[in-house]
Amino acid sequence: MNEASRTQGWAICICAGALAFLFLLGLLGRSYWAIALPVAVLTLFVLGLVGWVGYTIATIQVEPGPAPEVLASDGTNDADSPAGGSA
């Protein structure tokens, strides 16, 4: 891991701590926004993920694989027999 990654990791930790502190201050001050903003952000994030999954499912293109070979009841391949598997 390089130094830039560690610096970014510490920056994320400090920001998360600061936001947690602000959230607790809002709760202690009985602020409506302390609950409304995190709930709105979480709701929009989840809806964004759901929309992304739906878009991915709607636009994926799957190539069909080759047809599986059919085996005769005796375990041989029907395609290899001269009569197509009938005796």
C-alpha atoms as a PDB file:
ATOM      1  CA  MET A   1       0.000   0.000   0.000  1.00  0.00           C
ATOM      2  CA  ASN A   2       1.452   3.373  -0.926  1.00  0.00           C
ATOM      3  CA  GLU A   3       1.524   6.607   1.077  1.00  0.00           C
ATOM      4  CA  ALA A   4      -1.250   8.270  -0.964  1.00  0.00           C
ATOM      5  CA  SER A   5      -3.662   5.436  -0.071  1.00  0.00           C
ATOM      6  CA  ARG A   6      -2.851   5.774   3.610  1.00  0.00           C
ATOM      7  CA  THR A   7      -3.374   9.538   3.462  1.00  0.00           C
ATOM      8  CA  GLN A   8      -6.739   9.086   1.750  1.00  0.00           C
ATOM      9  CA  GLY A   9      -7.723   6.481   4.340  1.00  0.00           C
ATOM     10  CA  TRP A  10      -6.927   8.845   7.218  1.00  0.00           C
ATOM     11  CA  ALA A  11      -8.793  11.670   5.478  1.00  0.00           C
ATOM     12  CA  ILE A  12     -11.868   9.439   5.174  1.00  0.00           C
ATOM     13  CA  CYS A  13     -11.622   8.492   8.868  1.00  0.00           C
ATOM     14  CA  ILE A  14     -11.329  12.144   9.945  1.00  0.00           C
ATOM     15  CA  CYS A  15     -14.285  13.185   7.764  1.00  0.00           C
ATOM     16  CA  ALA A  16     -16.409  10.324   9.098  1.00  0.00           C
ATOM     17  CA  GLY A  17     -15.559  11.309  12.660  1.00  0.00           C
ATOM     18  CA  ALA A  18     -16.401  14.957  12.005  1.00  0.00           C
ATOM     19  CA  LEU A  19     -19.722  14.040  10.415  1.00  0.00           C
ATOM     20  CA  ALA A  20     -20.550  11.716  13.330  1.00  0.00           C
ATOM     21  CA  PHE A  21     -19.785  14.567  15.744  1.00  0.00           C
ATOM     22  CA  LEU A  22     -22.038  16.962  13.807  1.00  0.00           C
ATOM     23  CA  PHE A  23     -24.786  14.319  13.727  1.00  0.00           C
ATOM     24  CA  LEU A  24     -24.607  13.871  17.490  1.00  0.00           C
ATOM     25  CA  LEU A  25     -24.701  17.647  18.015  1.00  0.00           C
ATOM     26  CA  GLY A  26     -27.812  17.806  15.843  1.00  0.00           C
ATOM     27  CA  LEU A  27     -29.472  15.012  17.802  1.00  0.00           C
ATOM     28  CA  LEU A  28     -28.669  16.647  21.125  1.00  0.00           C
ATOM     29  CA  GLY A  29     -30.056  19.941  19.812  1.00  0.00           C
ATOM     30  CA  ARG A  30     -33.218  18.100  18.731  1.00  0.00           C
ATOM     31  CA  SER A  31     -32.785  19.232  15.132  1.00  0.00           C
ATOM     32  CA  TYR A  32     -35.119  17.828  12.490  1.00  0.00           C
ATOM     33  CA  TRP A  33     -32.316  18.025   9.919  1.00  0.00           C
ATOM     34  CA  ALA A  34     -30.080  15.685  11.946  1.00  0.00           C
ATOM     35  CA  ILE A  35     -32.445  12.847  11.082  1.00  0.00           C
ATOM     36  CA  ALA A  36     -33.827  14.056   7.754  1.00  0.00           C
ATOM     37  CA  LEU A  37     -30.510  14.524   5.926  1.00  0.00           C
ATOM     38  CA  PRO A  38     -28.943  11.109   6.697  1.00  0.00           C
ATOM     39  CA  VAL A  39     -32.232   9.345   5.918  1.00  0.00           C
ATOM     40  CA  ALA A  40     -32.564  11.242   2.631  1.00  0.00           C
ATOM     41  CA  VAL A  41     -28.950  10.478   1.636  1.00  0.00           C
ATOM     42  CA  LEU A  42     -29.321   6.789   2.489  1.00  0.00           C
ATOM     43  CA  THR A  43     -32.651   6.527   0.672  1.00  0.00           C
ATOM     44  CA  LEU A  44     -31.297   8.206  -2.466  1.00  0.00           C
ATOM     45  CA  PHE A  45     -28.184   6.006  -2.365  1.00  0.00           C
ATOM     46  CA  VAL A  46     -30.246   2.808  -2.152  1.00  0.00           C
ATOM     47  CA  LEU A  47     -32.588   3.985  -4.914  1.00  0.00           C
ATOM     48  CA  GLY A  48     -29.551   4.812  -7.051  1.00  0.00           C
ATOM     49  CA  LEU A  49     -28.216   1.275  -6.550  1.00  0.00           C
ATOM     50  CA  VAL A  50     -31.604  -0.216  -7.432  1.00  0.00           C
ATOM     51  CA  GLY A  51     -31.787   1.923 -10.572  1.00  0.00           C
ATOM     52  CA  TRP A  52     -28.252   0.881 -11.568  1.00  0.00           C
ATOM     53  CA  VAL A  53     -29.090  -2.813 -11.110  1.00  0.00           C
ATOM     54  CA  GLY A  54     -32.265  -2.397 -13.157  1.00  0.00           C
ATOM     55  CA  TYR A  55     -30.388  -0.602 -15.928  1.00  0.00           C
ATOM     56  CA  THR A  56     -27.701  -3.302 -15.938  1.00  0.00           C
ATOM     57  CA  ILE A  57     -30.293  -6.068 -16.194  1.00  0.00           C
ATOM     58  CA  ALA A  58     -32.203  -4.227 -18.930  1.00  0.00           C
ATOM     59  CA  THR A  59     -29.157  -3.562 -21.108  1.00  0.00           C
ATOM     60  CA  ILE A  60     -27.059  -6.729 -20.686  1.00  0.00           C
ATOM     61  CA  GLN A  61     -26.476  -8.755 -23.817  1.00  0.00           C
ATOM     62  CA  VAL A  62     -25.945 -12.478 -23.322  1.00  0.00           C
ATOM     63  CA  GLU A  63     -24.623 -14.660 -26.108  1.00  0.00           C
ATOM     64  CA  PRO A  64     -26.193 -18.122 -26.089  1.00  0.00           C
ATOM     65  CA  GLY A  65     -23.721 -20.946 -25.625  1.00  0.00           C
ATOM     66  CA  PRO A  66     -23.449 -23.963 -27.899  1.00  0.00           C
ATOM     67  CA  ALA A  67     -26.210 -26.543 -27.627  1.00  0.00           C
ATOM     68  CA  PRO A  68     -25.314 -29.367 -25.247  1.00  0.00           C
ATOM     69  CA  GLU A  69     -24.645 -32.787 -26.741  1.00  0.00           C
ATOM     70  CA  VAL A  70     -27.310 -35.404 -26.080  1.00  0.00           C
ATOM     71  CA  LEU A  71     -26.185 -38.770 -24.746  1.00  0.00           C
ATOM     72  CA  ALA A  72     -27.975 -41.980 -25.618  1.00  0.00           C
ATOM     73  CA  SER A  73     -29.318 -44.220 -22.868  1.00  0.00           C
ATOM     74  CA  ASP A  74     -26.245 -46.475 -23.182  1.00  0.00           C
ATOM     75  CA  GLY A  75     -23.936 -43.505 -22.517  1.00  0.00           C
ATOM     76  CA  THR A  76     -22.704 -43.051 -26.079  1.00  0.00           C
ATOM     77  CA  ASN A  77     -23.013 -39.825 -28.019  1.00  0.00           C
ATOM     78  CA  ASP A  78     -26.018 -39.866 -30.391  1.00  0.00           C
ATOM     79  CA  ALA A  79     -24.202 -37.651 -32.865  1.00  0.00           C
ATOM     80  CA  ASP A  80     -21.405 -40.235 -33.301  1.00  0.00           C
ATOM     81  CA  SER A  81     -23.643 -43.131 -34.308  1.00  0.00           C
ATOM     82  CA  PRO A  82     -24.396 -43.568 -38.035  1.00  0.00           C
ATOM     83  CA  ALA A  83     -28.179 -43.751 -37.619  1.00  0.00           C
ATOM     84  CA  GLY A  84     -28.404 -40.743 -35.302  1.00  0.00           C
ATOM     85  CA  GLY A  85     -28.771 -42.885 -32.189  1.00  0.00           C
ATOM     86  CA  SER A  86     -31.553 -45.219 -33.311  1.00  0.00           C
ATOM     87  CA  ALA A  87     -30.689 -48.925 -33.335  1.00  0.00           C
END
